[in-house]
Amino acid sequence: MKTEPLPPLPCTAFDHLRPDQICDEPPALFSLGHVVATPAALALIEKHGASVPQLLNRHQTGDWQELCQKDRDANWQAAFGDARVLSAFNIGSTDHPVKIWIITERDRSVTTILRPQDYCKQPVNTH
């Protein structure tokens, strides 16, 4: 259960706080903006018993362990810069991976939850 942090009291040590007064979660690195998802991604998440809030929290707090080192490094730069942040999560098993992507746009206006096969760039209008 998350609670709002209380203002610090003079001479208060952590051992005097109740468990509901201590937040042990990593801080958010960037804003998610408006969160949207493809219907196929939501169905897949539900089918595999994954949690959208947990996936978003992992994405937003830098838990990018399923990415290669190069992509994790790019995400760290993007999180504190102005590039898009991409997370890839396996919500299946090791033997039968099921990938979900989460992408936060560079302007932090929107975060999209999707399957890799849902991703496609819009064709450029040449007219």
N, C-alpha and C. Protein backbone atom coordinates (compact mmCIF):
# COMPACT_ATOMS: atom_id res chain seq x y z
N MET A 1 0.84 -1.17 0.00
CA MET A 1 0.00 0.00 0.00
C MET A 1 0.89 1.24 0.00
N LYS A 2 0.64 2.14 -0.91
CA LYS A 2 1.41 3.38 -0.97
C LYS A 2 0.72 4.46 -0.15
N THR A 3 1.51 5.23 0.52
CA THR A 3 0.97 6.36 1.27
C THR A 3 1.78 7.59 0.92
N GLU A 4 1.21 8.74 1.15
CA GLU A 4 1.92 9.99 0.93
C GLU A 4 2.96 10.14 2.03
N PRO A 5 4.17 10.55 1.67
CA PRO A 5 5.19 10.72 2.71
C PRO A 5 4.82 11.86 3.65
N LEU A 6 5.13 11.64 4.89
CA LEU A 6 4.89 12.66 5.90
C LEU A 6 6.08 13.61 5.92
N PRO A 7 5.85 14.88 6.30
CA PRO A 7 6.98 15.79 6.40
C PRO A 7 7.93 15.29 7.49
N PRO A 8 9.23 15.50 7.29
CA PRO A 8 10.19 15.01 8.30
C PRO A 8 10.01 15.73 9.63
N LEU A 9 10.17 14.98 10.67
CA LEU A 9 10.13 15.54 12.02
C LEU A 9 11.55 15.67 12.53
N PRO A 10 11.81 16.69 13.32
CA PRO A 10 13.16 16.84 13.86
C PRO A 10 13.56 15.61 14.67
N CYS A 11 14.78 15.13 14.45
CA CYS A 11 15.35 14.01 15.20
C CYS A 11 14.58 12.71 15.02
N THR A 12 13.93 12.52 13.88
CA THR A 12 13.22 11.27 13.63
C THR A 12 14.13 10.32 12.90
N ALA A 13 14.31 9.13 13.43
CA ALA A 13 15.11 8.09 12.78
C ALA A 13 14.16 7.10 12.11
N PHE A 14 14.68 6.40 11.11
CA PHE A 14 13.83 5.45 10.37
C PHE A 14 13.27 4.35 11.27
N ASP A 15 13.98 3.98 12.30
CA ASP A 15 13.49 2.91 13.16
C ASP A 15 12.27 3.33 13.98
N HIS A 16 11.92 4.62 13.96
CA HIS A 16 10.74 5.10 14.66
C HIS A 16 9.53 5.23 13.73
N LEU A 17 9.72 4.92 12.45
CA LEU A 17 8.63 5.03 11.49
C LEU A 17 7.88 3.71 11.36
N ARG A 18 6.60 3.80 11.09
CA ARG A 18 5.80 2.62 10.80
C ARG A 18 6.10 2.16 9.37
N PRO A 19 5.89 0.88 9.06
CA PRO A 19 6.15 0.40 7.69
C PRO A 19 5.38 1.16 6.61
N ASP A 20 4.17 1.64 6.93
CA ASP A 20 3.39 2.36 5.92
C ASP A 20 3.90 3.79 5.71
N GLN A 21 4.89 4.21 6.48
CA GLN A 21 5.47 5.54 6.31
C GLN A 21 6.78 5.50 5.53
N ILE A 22 7.24 4.31 5.16
CA ILE A 22 8.50 4.17 4.44
C ILE A 22 8.23 3.68 3.03
N CYS A 23 8.73 4.41 2.05
CA CYS A 23 8.59 4.02 0.65
C CYS A 23 9.93 3.41 0.22
N ASP A 24 9.91 2.12 -0.11
CA ASP A 24 11.16 1.47 -0.51
C ASP A 24 11.23 1.24 -2.01
N GLU A 25 10.31 1.85 -2.77
CA GLU A 25 10.33 1.71 -4.22
C GLU A 25 11.28 2.74 -4.83
N PRO A 26 11.92 2.37 -5.95
CA PRO A 26 12.77 3.35 -6.61
C PRO A 26 11.94 4.52 -7.14
N PRO A 27 12.52 5.69 -7.24
CA PRO A 27 11.76 6.84 -7.74
C PRO A 27 11.54 6.74 -9.25
N ALA A 28 10.48 7.36 -9.70
CA ALA A 28 10.20 7.44 -11.14
C ALA A 28 11.26 8.30 -11.80
N LEU A 29 11.76 7.85 -12.94
CA LEU A 29 12.81 8.58 -13.66
C LEU A 29 12.25 9.59 -14.65
N PHE A 30 10.99 9.39 -15.06
CA PHE A 30 10.38 10.26 -16.05
C PHE A 30 8.88 10.12 -15.97
N SER A 31 8.17 11.05 -16.56
CA SER A 31 6.71 11.02 -16.60
C SER A 31 6.24 10.07 -17.69
N LEU A 32 5.15 9.38 -17.44
CA LEU A 32 4.58 8.49 -18.45
C LEU A 32 3.65 9.22 -19.41
N GLY A 33 3.14 10.37 -19.01
CA GLY A 33 2.15 11.05 -19.83
C GLY A 33 0.87 10.24 -19.86
N HIS A 34 0.15 10.31 -20.95
CA HIS A 34 -1.09 9.57 -21.13
C HIS A 34 -0.74 8.12 -21.47
N VAL A 35 -1.26 7.14 -20.75
CA VAL A 35 -0.94 5.73 -20.99
C VAL A 35 -2.04 5.10 -21.84
N VAL A 36 -1.62 4.49 -22.96
CA VAL A 36 -2.53 3.78 -23.86
C VAL A 36 -1.97 2.39 -24.11
N ALA A 37 -2.83 1.50 -24.60
CA ALA A 37 -2.40 0.14 -24.89
C ALA A 37 -3.19 -0.41 -26.06
N THR A 38 -2.56 -1.31 -26.79
CA THR A 38 -3.29 -1.98 -27.86
C THR A 38 -4.17 -3.05 -27.22
N PRO A 39 -5.34 -3.32 -27.81
CA PRO A 39 -6.20 -4.38 -27.25
C PRO A 39 -5.49 -5.74 -27.20
N ALA A 40 -4.68 -6.04 -28.20
CA ALA A 40 -3.98 -7.33 -28.22
C ALA A 40 -2.98 -7.44 -27.07
N ALA A 41 -2.31 -6.34 -26.75
CA ALA A 41 -1.36 -6.35 -25.63
C ALA A 41 -2.09 -6.55 -24.31
N LEU A 42 -3.21 -5.87 -24.14
CA LEU A 42 -3.98 -6.03 -22.90
C LEU A 42 -4.50 -7.45 -22.75
N ALA A 43 -4.96 -8.05 -23.84
CA ALA A 43 -5.44 -9.43 -23.79
C ALA A 43 -4.31 -10.38 -23.41
N LEU A 44 -3.14 -10.16 -23.97
CA LEU A 44 -1.98 -11.00 -23.68
C LEU A 44 -1.55 -10.86 -22.22
N ILE A 45 -1.54 -9.64 -21.73
CA ILE A 45 -1.19 -9.39 -20.33
C ILE A 45 -2.16 -10.09 -19.40
N GLU A 46 -3.45 -9.99 -19.70
CA GLU A 46 -4.47 -10.66 -18.88
C GLU A 46 -4.31 -12.18 -18.95
N LYS A 47 -4.10 -12.70 -20.15
CA LYS A 47 -3.96 -14.15 -20.35
C LYS A 47 -2.81 -14.72 -19.53
N HIS A 48 -1.72 -13.97 -19.42
CA HIS A 48 -0.53 -14.47 -18.72
C HIS A 48 -0.45 -14.00 -17.28
N GLY A 49 -1.48 -13.33 -16.79
CA GLY A 49 -1.54 -12.94 -15.39
C GLY A 49 -0.53 -11.88 -14.99
N ALA A 50 -0.09 -11.10 -15.95
CA ALA A 50 0.84 -10.01 -15.66
C ALA A 50 0.06 -8.80 -15.15
N SER A 51 0.77 -7.85 -14.61
CA SER A 51 0.16 -6.66 -14.03
C SER A 51 0.61 -5.42 -14.80
N VAL A 52 -0.34 -4.69 -15.36
CA VAL A 52 -0.02 -3.45 -16.07
C VAL A 52 0.67 -2.45 -15.13
N PRO A 53 0.16 -2.21 -13.92
CA PRO A 53 0.85 -1.27 -13.04
C PRO A 53 2.29 -1.70 -12.72
N GLN A 54 2.53 -2.99 -12.52
CA GLN A 54 3.89 -3.46 -12.25
C GLN A 54 4.80 -3.26 -13.46
N LEU A 55 4.29 -3.56 -14.65
CA LEU A 55 5.10 -3.36 -15.86
C LEU A 55 5.43 -1.88 -16.04
N LEU A 56 4.43 -1.01 -15.84
CA LEU A 56 4.68 0.43 -15.97
C LEU A 56 5.67 0.91 -14.92
N ASN A 57 5.57 0.38 -13.71
CA ASN A 57 6.50 0.77 -12.65
C ASN A 57 7.92 0.34 -13.01
N ARG A 58 8.08 -0.87 -13.51
CA ARG A 58 9.42 -1.34 -13.91
C ARG A 58 9.97 -0.45 -15.02
N HIS A 59 9.13 -0.12 -15.98
CA HIS A 59 9.54 0.74 -17.10
C HIS A 59 9.99 2.11 -16.60
N GLN A 60 9.20 2.69 -15.72
CA GLN A 60 9.41 4.06 -15.27
C GLN A 60 10.55 4.19 -14.25
N THR A 61 10.93 3.10 -13.61
CA THR A 61 11.97 3.17 -12.58
C THR A 61 13.30 2.58 -13.04
N GLY A 62 13.42 2.24 -14.32
CA GLY A 62 14.70 1.80 -14.84
C GLY A 62 14.99 0.32 -14.71
N ASP A 63 13.97 -0.50 -14.53
CA ASP A 63 14.16 -1.95 -14.49
C ASP A 63 14.13 -2.48 -15.92
N TRP A 64 15.26 -2.35 -16.60
CA TRP A 64 15.35 -2.71 -18.02
C TRP A 64 16.23 -3.94 -18.22
N GLN A 65 16.21 -4.85 -17.28
CA GLN A 65 17.12 -5.98 -17.30
C GLN A 65 16.92 -6.91 -18.49
N GLU A 66 15.77 -6.88 -19.12
CA GLU A 66 15.54 -7.77 -20.26
C GLU A 66 16.08 -7.16 -21.57
N LEU A 67 16.65 -5.98 -21.49
CA LEU A 67 17.28 -5.36 -22.66
C LEU A 67 18.78 -5.63 -22.63
N CYS A 68 19.40 -5.60 -23.80
CA CYS A 68 20.85 -5.73 -23.84
C CYS A 68 21.48 -4.48 -23.21
N GLN A 69 22.76 -4.58 -22.90
CA GLN A 69 23.45 -3.47 -22.23
C GLN A 69 23.40 -2.19 -23.06
N LYS A 70 23.56 -2.30 -24.37
CA LYS A 70 23.53 -1.12 -25.24
C LYS A 70 22.17 -0.41 -25.15
N ASP A 71 21.08 -1.18 -25.17
CA ASP A 71 19.74 -0.59 -25.07
C ASP A 71 19.46 -0.03 -23.68
N ARG A 72 19.98 -0.69 -22.63
CA ARG A 72 19.82 -0.14 -21.27
C ARG A 72 20.55 1.19 -21.15
N ASP A 73 21.77 1.25 -21.69
CA ASP A 73 22.52 2.51 -21.67
C ASP A 73 21.77 3.61 -22.42
N ALA A 74 21.19 3.25 -23.57
CA ALA A 74 20.42 4.23 -24.35
C ALA A 74 19.21 4.70 -23.55
N ASN A 75 18.56 3.81 -22.82
CA ASN A 75 17.41 4.19 -22.00
C ASN A 75 17.81 5.14 -20.88
N TRP A 76 18.97 4.90 -20.25
CA TRP A 76 19.41 5.81 -19.19
C TRP A 76 19.62 7.21 -19.75
N GLN A 77 20.23 7.28 -20.92
CA GLN A 77 20.42 8.59 -21.55
C GLN A 77 19.08 9.22 -21.92
N ALA A 78 18.17 8.40 -22.45
CA ALA A 78 16.85 8.89 -22.85
C ALA A 78 16.03 9.35 -21.66
N ALA A 79 16.11 8.63 -20.55
CA ALA A 79 15.32 8.97 -19.36
C ALA A 79 15.65 10.37 -18.85
N PHE A 80 16.90 10.79 -19.01
CA PHE A 80 17.32 12.09 -18.52
C PHE A 80 17.52 13.09 -19.66
N GLY A 81 17.17 12.67 -20.86
CA GLY A 81 17.29 13.55 -22.02
C GLY A 81 15.94 13.74 -22.68
N ASP A 82 15.95 13.75 -23.99
CA ASP A 82 14.69 13.96 -24.70
C ASP A 82 14.50 12.92 -25.80
N ALA A 83 14.81 11.68 -25.50
CA ALA A 83 14.59 10.59 -26.45
C ALA A 83 13.54 9.64 -25.89
N ARG A 84 13.00 8.79 -26.74
CA ARG A 84 11.99 7.85 -26.28
C ARG A 84 12.65 6.73 -25.48
N VAL A 85 11.88 6.19 -24.54
CA VAL A 85 12.35 5.12 -23.67
C VAL A 85 11.58 3.86 -24.04
N LEU A 86 12.31 2.77 -24.27
CA LEU A 86 11.70 1.48 -24.65
C LEU A 86 12.03 0.43 -23.62
N SER A 87 11.01 -0.28 -23.16
CA SER A 87 11.21 -1.44 -22.30
C SER A 87 10.62 -2.65 -23.00
N ALA A 88 11.25 -3.79 -22.80
CA ALA A 88 10.75 -5.06 -23.33
C ALA A 88 10.68 -6.04 -22.16
N PHE A 89 9.51 -6.64 -21.97
CA PHE A 89 9.32 -7.55 -20.86
C PHE A 89 8.83 -8.90 -21.37
N ASN A 90 9.34 -9.96 -20.78
CA ASN A 90 8.86 -11.31 -21.07
C ASN A 90 7.83 -11.66 -20.00
N ILE A 91 6.57 -11.75 -20.39
CA ILE A 91 5.53 -12.10 -19.43
C ILE A 91 5.18 -13.59 -19.53
N GLY A 92 5.90 -14.30 -20.39
CA GLY A 92 5.73 -15.75 -20.51
C GLY A 92 6.79 -16.45 -19.67
N SER A 93 7.22 -17.60 -20.15
CA SER A 93 8.25 -18.36 -19.45
C SER A 93 9.56 -18.27 -20.23
N THR A 94 10.60 -18.82 -19.66
CA THR A 94 11.89 -18.85 -20.35
C THR A 94 11.79 -19.70 -21.61
N ASP A 95 11.07 -20.81 -21.51
CA ASP A 95 10.92 -21.71 -22.66
C ASP A 95 9.96 -21.18 -23.71
N HIS A 96 8.97 -20.43 -23.28
CA HIS A 96 7.96 -19.87 -24.18
C HIS A 96 7.81 -18.37 -23.90
N PRO A 97 8.78 -17.57 -24.38
CA PRO A 97 8.72 -16.13 -24.10
C PRO A 97 7.53 -15.45 -24.78
N VAL A 98 6.97 -14.50 -24.07
CA VAL A 98 5.88 -13.67 -24.59
C VAL A 98 6.30 -12.23 -24.30
N LYS A 99 6.57 -11.48 -25.35
CA LYS A 99 7.12 -10.13 -25.19
C LYS A 99 6.04 -9.06 -25.18
N ILE A 100 6.23 -8.11 -24.29
CA ILE A 100 5.42 -6.89 -24.24
C ILE A 100 6.41 -5.73 -24.28
N TRP A 101 6.11 -4.74 -25.10
CA TRP A 101 6.92 -3.53 -25.16
C TRP A 101 6.17 -2.40 -24.50
N ILE A 102 6.92 -1.50 -23.89
CA ILE A 102 6.36 -0.25 -23.38
C ILE A 102 7.27 0.86 -23.91
N ILE A 103 6.66 1.83 -24.57
CA ILE A 103 7.41 2.93 -25.17
C ILE A 103 6.85 4.25 -24.66
N THR A 104 7.73 5.07 -24.08
CA THR A 104 7.37 6.43 -23.69
C THR A 104 8.00 7.37 -24.69
N GLU A 105 7.17 8.20 -25.29
CA GLU A 105 7.64 9.11 -26.34
C GLU A 105 8.59 10.15 -25.77
N ARG A 106 9.41 10.70 -26.63
CA ARG A 106 10.47 11.64 -26.23
C ARG A 106 9.94 12.86 -25.51
N ASP A 107 8.72 13.32 -25.86
CA ASP A 107 8.17 14.51 -25.20
C ASP A 107 7.39 14.14 -23.93
N ARG A 108 7.38 12.85 -23.58
CA ARG A 108 6.71 12.32 -22.38
C ARG A 108 5.20 12.57 -22.38
N SER A 109 4.63 12.75 -23.55
CA SER A 109 3.19 12.99 -23.64
C SER A 109 2.37 11.71 -23.60
N VAL A 110 2.96 10.61 -24.05
CA VAL A 110 2.22 9.35 -24.11
C VAL A 110 3.16 8.16 -23.92
N THR A 111 2.63 7.14 -23.26
CA THR A 111 3.30 5.85 -23.11
C THR A 111 2.38 4.80 -23.69
N THR A 112 2.93 3.94 -24.54
CA THR A 112 2.14 2.92 -25.22
C THR A 112 2.60 1.53 -24.79
N ILE A 113 1.64 0.69 -24.45
CA ILE A 113 1.89 -0.72 -24.13
C ILE A 113 1.43 -1.52 -25.35
N LEU A 114 2.33 -2.34 -25.89
CA LEU A 114 2.01 -3.06 -27.12
C LEU A 114 2.82 -4.33 -27.24
N ARG A 115 2.42 -5.17 -28.17
CA ARG A 115 3.22 -6.33 -28.56
C ARG A 115 4.20 -5.86 -29.63
N PRO A 116 5.36 -6.50 -29.75
CA PRO A 116 6.29 -6.08 -30.81
C PRO A 116 5.65 -6.10 -32.19
N GLN A 117 4.80 -7.08 -32.46
CA GLN A 117 4.17 -7.15 -33.78
C GLN A 117 3.11 -6.08 -34.00
N ASP A 118 2.70 -5.37 -32.93
CA ASP A 118 1.77 -4.26 -33.08
C ASP A 118 2.47 -2.99 -33.55
N TYR A 119 3.80 -2.96 -33.43
CA TYR A 119 4.56 -1.76 -33.74
C TYR A 119 4.78 -1.65 -35.24
N CYS A 120 4.41 -0.53 -35.77
CA CYS A 120 4.73 -0.22 -37.17
C CYS A 120 4.73 1.28 -37.30
N LYS A 121 5.60 1.77 -38.13
CA LYS A 121 5.64 3.21 -38.35
C LYS A 121 4.62 3.57 -39.39
N GLN A 122 4.04 4.74 -39.21
CA GLN A 122 3.07 5.24 -40.19
C GLN A 122 3.80 5.55 -41.50
N PRO A 123 3.19 5.20 -42.63
CA PRO A 123 3.84 5.55 -43.89
C PRO A 123 3.92 7.06 -44.07
N VAL A 124 4.99 7.47 -44.68
CA VAL A 124 5.19 8.92 -44.91
C VAL A 124 4.39 9.32 -46.13
N ASN A 125 3.60 10.39 -45.98
CA ASN A 125 2.81 10.90 -47.08
C ASN A 125 3.71 11.77 -47.95
N THR A 126 3.91 11.36 -49.20
CA THR A 126 4.81 12.09 -50.09
C THR A 126 4.09 13.10 -50.95
N HIS A 127 2.81 13.27 -50.75
CA HIS A 127 2.05 14.22 -51.57
C HIS A 127 2.06 15.60 -50.98
